[in-house]
């Protein structure tokens, strides 16, 4: 096992990039469902590419899971939790 210099705690490896570098995500610790996606040079720890990913509509979104990215970084797929509301019916009050 080899440690990558400068990598933030909690960063999750998501796959190899086409140039032999690694894609990682850094999840938010609160809603909405968004994550920082970044490609890292594994020798130096330098961030080569970075952006935020998440659903187009953030309303009600919670945690993101199962992030998959293509080697070139153009295609990203993920699942996320969404809760839009609750309805409670009370009778006999």
PDB file of N, CA and C in Angstrom:
ATOM      1  N   UNK A   1       0.846  -1.177   0.000  1.00  0.00           N
ATOM      2  CA  UNK A   1       0.000   0.000   0.000  1.00  0.00           C
ATOM      3  C   UNK A   1       0.890   1.238   0.000  1.00  0.00           C
ATOM      4  N   UNK A   2       0.535   2.203  -0.822  1.00  0.00           N
ATOM      5  CA  UNK A   2       1.313   3.425  -0.950  1.00  0.00           C
ATOM      6  C   UNK A   2       0.430   4.625  -0.633  1.00  0.00           C
ATOM      7  N   UNK A   3       0.945   5.542   0.159  1.00  0.00           N
ATOM      8  CA  UNK A   3       0.174   6.730   0.519  1.00  0.00           C
ATOM      9  C   UNK A   3       0.422   7.830  -0.513  1.00  0.00           C
ATOM     10  N   UNK A   4      -0.630   8.535  -0.887  1.00  0.00           N
ATOM     11  CA  UNK A   4      -0.528   9.628  -1.846  1.00  0.00           C
ATOM     12  C   UNK A   4      -0.355  10.923  -1.065  1.00  0.00           C
ATOM     13  N   UNK A   5       0.720  11.668  -1.343  1.00  0.00           N
ATOM     14  CA  UNK A   5       0.961  12.899  -0.584  1.00  0.00           C
ATOM     15  C   UNK A   5      -0.137  13.941  -0.802  1.00  0.00           C
ATOM     16  N   UNK A   6      -0.502  14.645   0.280  1.00  0.00           N
ATOM     17  CA  UNK A   6      -1.448  15.744   0.184  1.00  0.00           C
ATOM     18  C   UNK A   6      -2.908  15.358   0.032  1.00  0.00           C
ATOM     19  N   UNK A   7      -3.223  14.076   0.058  1.00  0.00           N
ATOM     20  CA  UNK A   7      -4.607  13.638  -0.112  1.00  0.00           C
ATOM     21  C   UNK A   7      -5.414  13.953   1.140  1.00  0.00           C
ATOM     22  N   UNK A   8      -6.583  14.557   0.953  1.00  0.00           N
ATOM     23  CA  UNK A   8      -7.429  14.958   2.067  1.00  0.00           C
ATOM     24  C   UNK A   8      -8.015  13.729   2.775  1.00  0.00           C
ATOM     25  N   UNK A   9      -8.177  13.778   4.097  1.00  0.00           N
ATOM     26  CA  UNK A   9      -8.820  12.673   4.810  1.00  0.00           C
ATOM     27  C   UNK A   9     -10.249  12.476   4.302  1.00  0.00           C
ATOM     28  N   UNK A  10     -10.677  11.252   4.146  1.00  0.00           N
ATOM     29  CA  UNK A  10     -12.028  10.952   3.696  1.00  0.00           C
ATOM     30  C   UNK A  10     -12.180  10.879   2.188  1.00  0.00           C
ATOM     31  N   UNK A  11     -11.109  11.138   1.441  1.00  0.00           N
ATOM     32  CA  UNK A  11     -11.175  11.034  -0.021  1.00  0.00           C
ATOM     33  C   UNK A  11     -11.316   9.559  -0.402  1.00  0.00           C
ATOM     34  N   UNK A  12     -12.244   9.278  -1.326  1.00  0.00           N
ATOM     35  CA  UNK A  12     -12.520   7.901  -1.731  1.00  0.00           C
ATOM     36  C   UNK A  12     -12.063   7.689  -3.175  1.00  0.00           C
ATOM     37  N   UNK A  13     -11.219   6.680  -3.414  1.00  0.00           N
ATOM     38  CA  UNK A  13     -10.813   6.400  -4.795  1.00  0.00           C
ATOM     39  C   UNK A  13     -12.000   5.878  -5.593  1.00  0.00           C
ATOM     40  N   UNK A  14     -12.149   6.376  -6.833  1.00  0.00           N
ATOM     41  CA  UNK A  14     -13.294   6.003  -7.664  1.00  0.00           C
ATOM     42  C   UNK A  14     -12.905   5.344  -8.968  1.00  0.00           C
ATOM     43  N   UNK A  15     -11.632   5.311  -9.304  1.00  0.00           N
ATOM     44  CA  UNK A  15     -11.218   4.627 -10.525  1.00  0.00           C
ATOM     45  C   UNK A  15      -9.983   5.254 -11.136  1.00  0.00           C
ATOM     46  N   UNK A  16      -9.384   4.489 -12.038  1.00  0.00           N
ATOM     47  CA  UNK A  16      -8.188   4.942 -12.729  1.00  0.00           C
ATOM     48  C   UNK A  16      -8.556   5.844 -13.888  1.00  0.00           C
ATOM     49  N   UNK A  17      -7.800   6.915 -14.055  1.00  0.00           N
ATOM     50  CA  UNK A  17      -7.944   7.790 -15.214  1.00  0.00           C
ATOM     51  C   UNK A  17      -7.154   7.183 -16.366  1.00  0.00           C
ATOM     52  N   UNK A  18      -7.446   7.609 -17.571  1.00  0.00           N
ATOM     53  CA  UNK A  18      -6.772   7.084 -18.742  1.00  0.00           C
ATOM     54  C   UNK A  18      -5.265   7.329 -18.754  1.00  0.00           C
ATOM     55  N   UNK A  19      -4.812   8.352 -18.028  1.00  0.00           N
ATOM     56  CA  UNK A  19      -3.388   8.682 -18.002  1.00  0.00           C
ATOM     57  C   UNK A  19      -2.642   8.018 -16.848  1.00  0.00           C
ATOM     58  N   UNK A  20      -3.280   7.046 -16.182  1.00  0.00           N
ATOM     59  CA  UNK A  20      -2.631   6.332 -15.085  1.00  0.00           C
ATOM     60  C   UNK A  20      -2.756   7.021 -13.738  1.00  0.00           C
ATOM     61  N   UNK A  21      -3.504   8.098 -13.670  1.00  0.00           N
ATOM     62  CA  UNK A  21      -3.744   8.790 -12.408  1.00  0.00           C
ATOM     63  C   UNK A  21      -5.053   8.276 -11.811  1.00  0.00           C
ATOM     64  N   UNK A  22      -5.406   8.729 -10.625  1.00  0.00           N
ATOM     65  CA  UNK A  22      -6.604   8.246  -9.942  1.00  0.00           C
ATOM     66  C   UNK A  22      -7.663   9.329  -9.806  1.00  0.00           C
ATOM     67  N   UNK A  23      -8.936   8.918  -9.948  1.00  0.00           N
ATOM     68  CA  UNK A  23     -10.088   9.778  -9.663  1.00  0.00           C
ATOM     69  C   UNK A  23     -10.513   9.529  -8.217  1.00  0.00           C
ATOM     70  N   UNK A  24     -10.840  10.599  -7.503  1.00  0.00           N
ATOM     71  CA  UNK A  24     -11.311  10.524  -6.120  1.00  0.00           C
ATOM     72  C   UNK A  24     -12.560  11.382  -5.975  1.00  0.00           C
ATOM     73  N   UNK A  25     -13.352  11.081  -4.944  1.00  0.00           N
ATOM     74  CA  UNK A  25     -14.412  11.990  -4.525  1.00  0.00           C
ATOM     75  C   UNK A  25     -14.195  12.345  -3.067  1.00  0.00           C
ATOM     76  N   UNK A  26     -14.617  13.548  -2.728  1.00  0.00           N
ATOM     77  CA  UNK A  26     -14.642  14.020  -1.348  1.00  0.00           C
ATOM     78  C   UNK A  26     -16.078  14.409  -1.093  1.00  0.00           C
ATOM     79  N   UNK A  27     -16.800  13.592  -0.320  1.00  0.00           N
ATOM     80  CA  UNK A  27     -18.224  13.831  -0.071  1.00  0.00           C
ATOM     81  C   UNK A  27     -18.424  14.963   0.918  1.00  0.00           C
ATOM     82  N   UNK A  28     -19.562  15.626   0.757  1.00  0.00           N
ATOM     83  CA  UNK A  28     -19.985  16.623   1.746  1.00  0.00           C
ATOM     84  C   UNK A  28     -20.513  15.874   2.968  1.00  0.00           C
ATOM     85  N   UNK A  29     -20.409  16.481   4.121  1.00  0.00           N
ATOM     86  CA  UNK A  29     -20.902  15.824   5.334  1.00  0.00           C
ATOM     87  C   UNK A  29     -22.304  16.270   5.705  1.00  0.00           C
ATOM     88  N   UNK A  30     -22.991  16.955   4.763  1.00  0.00           N
ATOM     89  CA  UNK A  30     -24.380  17.357   4.984  1.00  0.00           C
ATOM     90  C   UNK A  30     -25.053  17.530   3.626  1.00  0.00           C
ATOM     91  N   UNK A  31     -26.395  17.505   3.598  1.00  0.00           N
ATOM     92  CA  UNK A  31     -27.103  17.721   2.331  1.00  0.00           C
ATOM     93  C   UNK A  31     -26.795  19.110   1.789  1.00  0.00           C
ATOM     94  N   UNK A  32     -26.929  19.341   0.498  1.00  0.00           N
ATOM     95  CA  UNK A  32     -27.465  18.453  -0.532  1.00  0.00           C
ATOM     96  C   UNK A  32     -26.424  17.457  -1.036  1.00  0.00           C
ATOM     97  N   UNK A  33     -26.903  16.522  -1.859  1.00  0.00           N
ATOM     98  CA  UNK A  33     -26.042  15.460  -2.386  1.00  0.00           C
ATOM     99  C   UNK A  33     -25.095  16.033  -3.433  1.00  0.00           C
ATOM    100  N   UNK A  34     -23.909  16.358  -3.010  1.00  0.00           N
ATOM    101  CA  UNK A  34     -22.869  16.826  -3.904  1.00  0.00           C
ATOM    102  C   UNK A  34     -21.544  16.261  -3.436  1.00  0.00           C
ATOM    103  N   UNK A  35     -20.597  16.147  -4.356  1.00  0.00           N
ATOM    104  CA  UNK A  35     -19.261  15.687  -4.000  1.00  0.00           C
ATOM    105  C   UNK A  35     -18.249  16.403  -4.877  1.00  0.00           C
ATOM    106  N   UNK A  36     -17.072  16.591  -4.334  1.00  0.00           N
ATOM    107  CA  UNK A  36     -15.967  17.122  -5.120  1.00  0.00           C
ATOM    108  C   UNK A  36     -15.325  15.933  -5.839  1.00  0.00           C
ATOM    109  N   UNK A  37     -15.209  16.024  -7.150  1.00  0.00           N
ATOM    110  CA  UNK A  37     -14.573  14.987  -7.960  1.00  0.00           C
ATOM    111  C   UNK A  37     -13.236  15.550  -8.423  1.00  0.00           C
ATOM    112  N   UNK A  38     -12.164  14.799  -8.193  1.00  0.00           N
ATOM    113  CA  UNK A  38     -10.865  15.299  -8.603  1.00  0.00           C
ATOM    114  C   UNK A  38      -9.937  14.170  -9.032  1.00  0.00           C
ATOM    115  N   UNK A  39      -9.040  14.510  -9.968  1.00  0.00           N
ATOM    116  CA  UNK A  39      -8.036  13.572 -10.487  1.00  0.00           C
ATOM    117  C   UNK A  39      -6.696  13.982  -9.907  1.00  0.00           C
ATOM    118  N   UNK A  40      -5.967  12.998  -9.364  1.00  0.00           N
ATOM    119  CA  UNK A  40      -4.736  13.274  -8.630  1.00  0.00           C
ATOM    120  C   UNK A  40      -3.555  12.572  -9.287  1.00  0.00           C
ATOM    121  N   UNK A  41      -2.452  13.286  -9.379  1.00  0.00           N
ATOM    122  CA  UNK A  41      -1.180  12.685  -9.785  1.00  0.00           C
ATOM    123  C   UNK A  41      -0.701  11.860  -8.597  1.00  0.00           C
ATOM    124  N   UNK A  42      -0.634  10.549  -8.754  1.00  0.00           N
ATOM    125  CA  UNK A  42      -0.340   9.683  -7.606  1.00  0.00           C
ATOM    126  C   UNK A  42       1.099   9.815  -7.107  1.00  0.00           C
ATOM    127  N   UNK A  43       1.993  10.328  -7.915  1.00  0.00           N
ATOM    128  CA  UNK A  43       3.383  10.504  -7.480  1.00  0.00           C
ATOM    129  C   UNK A  43       3.555  11.760  -6.624  1.00  0.00           C
ATOM    130  N   UNK A  44       2.936  12.865  -7.044  1.00  0.00           N
ATOM    131  CA  UNK A  44       3.148  14.134  -6.349  1.00  0.00           C
ATOM    132  C   UNK A  44       1.990  14.549  -5.444  1.00  0.00           C
ATOM    133  N   UNK A  45       0.791  13.993  -5.681  1.00  0.00           N
ATOM    134  CA  UNK A  45      -0.393  14.402  -4.934  1.00  0.00           C
ATOM    135  C   UNK A  45      -1.039  15.653  -5.497  1.00  0.00           C
ATOM    136  N   UNK A  46      -0.524  16.158  -6.604  1.00  0.00           N
ATOM    137  CA  UNK A  46      -1.060  17.372  -7.231  1.00  0.00           C
ATOM    138  C   UNK A  46      -2.416  17.084  -7.863  1.00  0.00           C
ATOM    139  N   UNK A  47      -3.384  17.968  -7.631  1.00  0.00           N
ATOM    140  CA  UNK A  47      -4.712  17.839  -8.227  1.00  0.00           C
ATOM    141  C   UNK A  47      -4.641  18.331  -9.667  1.00  0.00           C
ATOM    142  N   UNK A  48      -4.993  17.458 -10.613  1.00  0.00           N
ATOM    143  CA  UNK A  48      -4.897  17.762 -12.040  1.00  0.00           C
ATOM    144  C   UNK A  48      -6.214  18.274 -12.616  1.00  0.00           C
ATOM    145  N   UNK A  49      -7.331  17.879 -12.014  1.00  0.00           N
ATOM    146  CA  UNK A  49      -8.655  18.240 -12.511  1.00  0.00           C
ATOM    147  C   UNK A  49      -9.597  18.184 -11.323  1.00  0.00           C
ATOM    148  N   UNK A  50     -10.529  19.140 -11.232  1.00  0.00           N
ATOM    149  CA  UNK A  50     -11.445  19.160 -10.093  1.00  0.00           C
ATOM    150  C   UNK A  50     -12.763  19.798 -10.499  1.00  0.00           C
ATOM    151  N   UNK A  51     -13.862  19.230  -9.996  1.00  0.00           N
ATOM    152  CA  UNK A  51     -15.193  19.820 -10.202  1.00  0.00           C
ATOM    153  C   UNK A  51     -16.161  19.230  -9.177  1.00  0.00           C
ATOM    154  N   UNK A  52     -17.316  19.853  -9.071  1.00  0.00           N
ATOM    155  CA  UNK A  52     -18.355  19.379  -8.169  1.00  0.00           C
ATOM    156  C   UNK A  52     -19.386  18.605  -8.979  1.00  0.00           C
ATOM    157  N   UNK A  53     -19.796  17.444  -8.464  1.00  0.00           N
ATOM    158  CA  UNK A  53     -20.825  16.640  -9.115  1.00  0.00           C
ATOM    159  C   UNK A  53     -22.012  16.488  -8.176  1.00  0.00           C
ATOM    160  N   UNK A  54     -23.181  16.243  -8.757  1.00  0.00           N
ATOM    161  CA  UNK A  54     -24.391  16.027  -7.976  1.00  0.00           C
ATOM    162  C   UNK A  54     -25.592  16.080  -8.900  1.00  0.00           C
ATOM    163  N   UNK A  55     -26.772  15.824  -8.364  1.00  0.00           N
ATOM    164  CA  UNK A  55     -27.978  15.878  -9.191  1.00  0.00           C
ATOM    165  C   UNK A  55     -28.259  17.302  -9.654  1.00  0.00           C
ATOM    166  N   UNK A  56     -28.951  17.418 -10.777  1.00  0.00           N
ATOM    167  CA  UNK A  56     -29.293  18.731 -11.315  1.00  0.00           C
ATOM    168  C   UNK A  56     -30.209  19.472 -10.346  1.00  0.00           C
ATOM    169  N   UNK A  57     -31.206  18.797  -9.837  1.00  0.00           N
ATOM    170  CA  UNK A  57     -32.141  19.382  -8.866  1.00  0.00           C
ATOM    171  C   UNK A  57     -31.725  18.923  -7.473  1.00  0.00           C
ATOM    172  N   UNK A  58     -31.306  19.834  -6.625  1.00  0.00           N
ATOM    173  CA  UNK A  58     -30.791  19.491  -5.295  1.00  0.00           C
ATOM    174  C   UNK A  58     -31.868  19.371  -4.227  1.00  0.00           C
ATOM    175  N   UNK A  59     -33.088  19.827  -4.503  1.00  0.00           N
ATOM    176  CA  UNK A  59     -34.154  19.811  -3.506  1.00  0.00           C
ATOM    177  C   UNK A  59     -34.374  18.417  -2.945  1.00  0.00           C
ATOM    178  N   UNK A  60     -34.295  18.287  -1.642  1.00  0.00           N
ATOM    179  CA  UNK A  60     -34.560  17.023  -0.966  1.00  0.00           C
ATOM    180  C   UNK A  60     -33.458  15.984  -1.079  1.00  0.00           C
ATOM    181  N   UNK A  61     -32.366  16.326  -1.737  1.00  0.00           N
ATOM    182  CA  UNK A  61     -31.306  15.325  -1.919  1.00  0.00           C
ATOM    183  C   UNK A  61     -30.495  15.181  -0.643  1.00  0.00           C
ATOM    184  N   UNK A  62     -30.060  13.953  -0.412  1.00  0.00           N
ATOM    185  CA  UNK A  62     -29.280  13.642   0.781  1.00  0.00           C
ATOM    186  C   UNK A  62     -27.914  13.139   0.406  1.00  0.00           C
ATOM    187  N   UNK A  63     -27.619  11.909   0.748  1.00  0.00           N
ATOM    188  CA  UNK A  63     -26.283  11.368   0.522  1.00  0.00           C
ATOM    189  C   UNK A  63     -26.117  10.797  -0.885  1.00  0.00           C
ATOM    190  N   UNK A  64     -24.887  10.857  -1.395  1.00  0.00           N
ATOM    191  CA  UNK A  64     -24.524  10.263  -2.683  1.00  0.00           C
ATOM    192  C   UNK A  64     -23.831   8.928  -2.426  1.00  0.00           C
ATOM    193  N   UNK A  65     -24.058   7.986  -3.329  1.00  0.00           N
ATOM    194  CA  UNK A  65     -23.443   6.663  -3.215  1.00  0.00           C
ATOM    195  C   UNK A  65     -23.000   6.192  -4.583  1.00  0.00           C
ATOM    196  N   UNK A  66     -22.223   5.142  -4.605  1.00  0.00           N
ATOM    197  CA  UNK A  66     -21.886   4.402  -5.823  1.00  0.00           C
ATOM    198  C   UNK A  66     -21.486   5.301  -6.991  1.00  0.00           C
ATOM    199  N   UNK A  67     -20.491   6.130  -6.794  1.00  0.00           N
ATOM    200  CA  UNK A  67     -20.006   7.001  -7.863  1.00  0.00           C
ATOM    201  C   UNK A  67     -19.113   6.193  -8.794  1.00  0.00           C
ATOM    202  N   UNK A  68     -19.401   6.257 -10.092  1.00  0.00           N
ATOM    203  CA  UNK A  68     -18.606   5.577 -11.118  1.00  0.00           C
ATOM    204  C   UNK A  68     -18.244   6.622 -12.158  1.00  0.00           C
ATOM    205  N   UNK A  69     -16.985   6.624 -12.588  1.00  0.00           N
ATOM    206  CA  UNK A  69     -16.528   7.619 -13.551  1.00  0.00           C
ATOM    207  C   UNK A  69     -15.766   6.951 -14.679  1.00  0.00           C
ATOM    208  N   UNK A  70     -15.945   7.463 -15.884  1.00  0.00           N
ATOM    209  CA  UNK A  70     -15.203   6.937 -17.035  1.00  0.00           C
ATOM    210  C   UNK A  70     -13.738   7.373 -16.915  1.00  0.00           C
ATOM    211  N   UNK A  71     -12.810   6.629 -17.523  1.00  0.00           N
ATOM    212  CA  UNK A  71     -11.390   6.982 -17.418  1.00  0.00           C
ATOM    213  C   UNK A  71     -11.066   8.401 -17.886  1.00  0.00           C
ATOM    214  N   UNK A  72     -11.776   8.913 -18.884  1.00  0.00           N
ATOM    215  CA  UNK A  72     -11.495  10.274 -19.362  1.00  0.00           C
ATOM    216  C   UNK A  72     -12.201  11.344 -18.529  1.00  0.00           C
ATOM    217  N   UNK A  73     -13.063  10.947 -17.595  1.00  0.00           N
ATOM    218  CA  UNK A  73     -13.734  11.888 -16.703  1.00  0.00           C
ATOM    219  C   UNK A  73     -14.943  12.580 -17.285  1.00  0.00           C
ATOM    220  N   UNK A  74     -15.309  12.255 -18.509  1.00  0.00           N
ATOM    221  CA  UNK A  74     -16.447  12.928 -19.140  1.00  0.00           C
ATOM    222  C   UNK A  74     -17.797  12.387 -18.679  1.00  0.00           C
ATOM    223  N   UNK A  75     -17.854  11.127 -18.330  1.00  0.00           N
ATOM    224  CA  UNK A  75     -19.114  10.488 -17.918  1.00  0.00           C
ATOM    225  C   UNK A  75     -19.040  10.114 -16.447  1.00  0.00           C
ATOM    226  N   UNK A  76     -20.068  10.494 -15.690  1.00  0.00           N
ATOM    227  CA  UNK A  76     -20.150  10.181 -14.266  1.00  0.00           C
ATOM    228  C   UNK A  76     -21.550   9.651 -13.980  1.00  0.00           C
ATOM    229  N   UNK A  77     -21.617   8.573 -13.235  1.00  0.00           N
ATOM    230  CA  UNK A  77     -22.902   8.023 -12.799  1.00  0.00           C
ATOM    231  C   UNK A  77     -22.871   7.876 -11.282  1.00  0.00           C
ATOM    232  N   UNK A  78     -23.989   8.126 -10.642  1.00  0.00           N
ATOM    233  CA  UNK A  78     -24.061   7.996  -9.187  1.00  0.00           C
ATOM    234  C   UNK A  78     -25.506   7.783  -8.766  1.00  0.00           C
ATOM    235  N   UNK A  79     -25.677   7.278  -7.576  1.00  0.00           N
ATOM    236  CA  UNK A  79     -27.000   7.187  -6.978  1.00  0.00           C
ATOM    237  C   UNK A  79     -27.049   8.169  -5.810  1.00  0.00           C
ATOM    238  N   UNK A  80     -28.249   8.600  -5.469  1.00  0.00           N
ATOM    239  CA  UNK A  80     -28.397   9.482  -4.322  1.00  0.00           C
ATOM    240  C   UNK A  80     -29.768   9.285  -3.699  1.00  0.00           C
ATOM    241  N   UNK A  81     -29.867   9.677  -2.460  1.00  0.00           N
ATOM    242  CA  UNK A  81     -31.100   9.577  -1.686  1.00  0.00           C
ATOM    243  C   UNK A  81     -31.864  10.893  -1.826  1.00  0.00           C
ATOM    244  N   UNK A  82     -33.181  10.804  -2.005  1.00  0.00           N
ATOM    245  CA  UNK A  82     -34.014  12.006  -2.082  1.00  0.00           C
ATOM    246  C   UNK A  82     -35.269  11.810  -1.236  1.00  0.00           C
ATOM    247  N   UNK A  83     -35.563  12.805  -0.444  1.00  0.00           N
ATOM    248  CA  UNK A  83     -36.795  12.803   0.342  1.00  0.00           C
ATOM    249  C   UNK A  83     -37.480  14.139   0.120  1.00  0.00           C
ATOM    250  N   UNK A  84     -38.651  14.077  -0.486  1.00  0.00           N
ATOM    251  CA  UNK A  84     -39.353  15.307  -0.829  1.00  0.00           C
ATOM    252  C   UNK A  84     -40.385  15.729   0.208  1.00  0.00           C
ATOM    253  N   UNK A  85     -40.749  14.827   1.088  1.00  0.00           N
ATOM    254  CA  UNK A  85     -41.699  15.229   2.118  1.00  0.00           C
ATOM    255  C   UNK A  85     -42.369  14.035   2.769  1.00  0.00           C
ATOM    256  N   UNK A  86     -43.175  14.336   3.764  1.00  0.00           N
ATOM    257  CA  UNK A  86     -43.930  13.317   4.482  1.00  0.00           C
ATOM    258  C   UNK A  86     -45.346  13.829   4.714  1.00  0.00           C
ATOM    259  N   UNK A  87     -46.277  12.917   4.738  1.00  0.00           N
ATOM    260  CA  UNK A  87     -47.661  13.277   5.025  1.00  0.00           C
ATOM    261  C   UNK A  87     -48.103  12.461   6.232  1.00  0.00           C
ATOM    262  N   UNK A  88     -48.602  13.137   7.233  1.00  0.00           N
ATOM    263  CA  UNK A  88     -49.099  12.479   8.430  1.00  0.00           C
ATOM    264  C   UNK A  88     -50.594  12.759   8.544  1.00  0.00           C
ATOM    265  N   UNK A  89     -51.397  11.723   8.732  1.00  0.00           N
ATOM    266  CA  UNK A  89     -52.837  11.875   8.916  1.00  0.00           C
ATOM    267  C   UNK A  89     -53.162  11.474  10.355  1.00  0.00           C
ATOM    268  N   UNK A  90     -53.716  12.393  11.098  1.00  0.00           N
ATOM    269  CA  UNK A  90     -54.056  12.160  12.494  1.00  0.00           C
ATOM    270  C   UNK A  90     -55.574  12.131  12.602  1.00  0.00           C
ATOM    271  N   UNK A  91     -56.081  11.098  13.198  1.00  0.00           N
ATOM    272  CA  UNK A  91     -57.542  10.968  13.371  1.00  0.00           C
ATOM    273  C   UNK A  91     -57.867  10.860  14.857  1.00  0.00           C
ATOM    274  N   UNK A  92     -59.012  11.350  15.192  1.00  0.00           N
ATOM    275  CA  UNK A  92     -59.512  11.206  16.565  1.00  0.00           C
ATOM    276  C   UNK A  92     -58.880  12.149  17.568  1.00  0.00           C
ATOM    277  N   UNK A  93     -58.465  13.300  17.137  1.00  0.00           N
ATOM    278  CA  UNK A  93     -57.883  14.250  18.087  1.00  0.00           C
ATOM    279  C   UNK A  93     -58.907  15.168  18.657  1.00  0.00           C
TER     280      UNK A  93
END
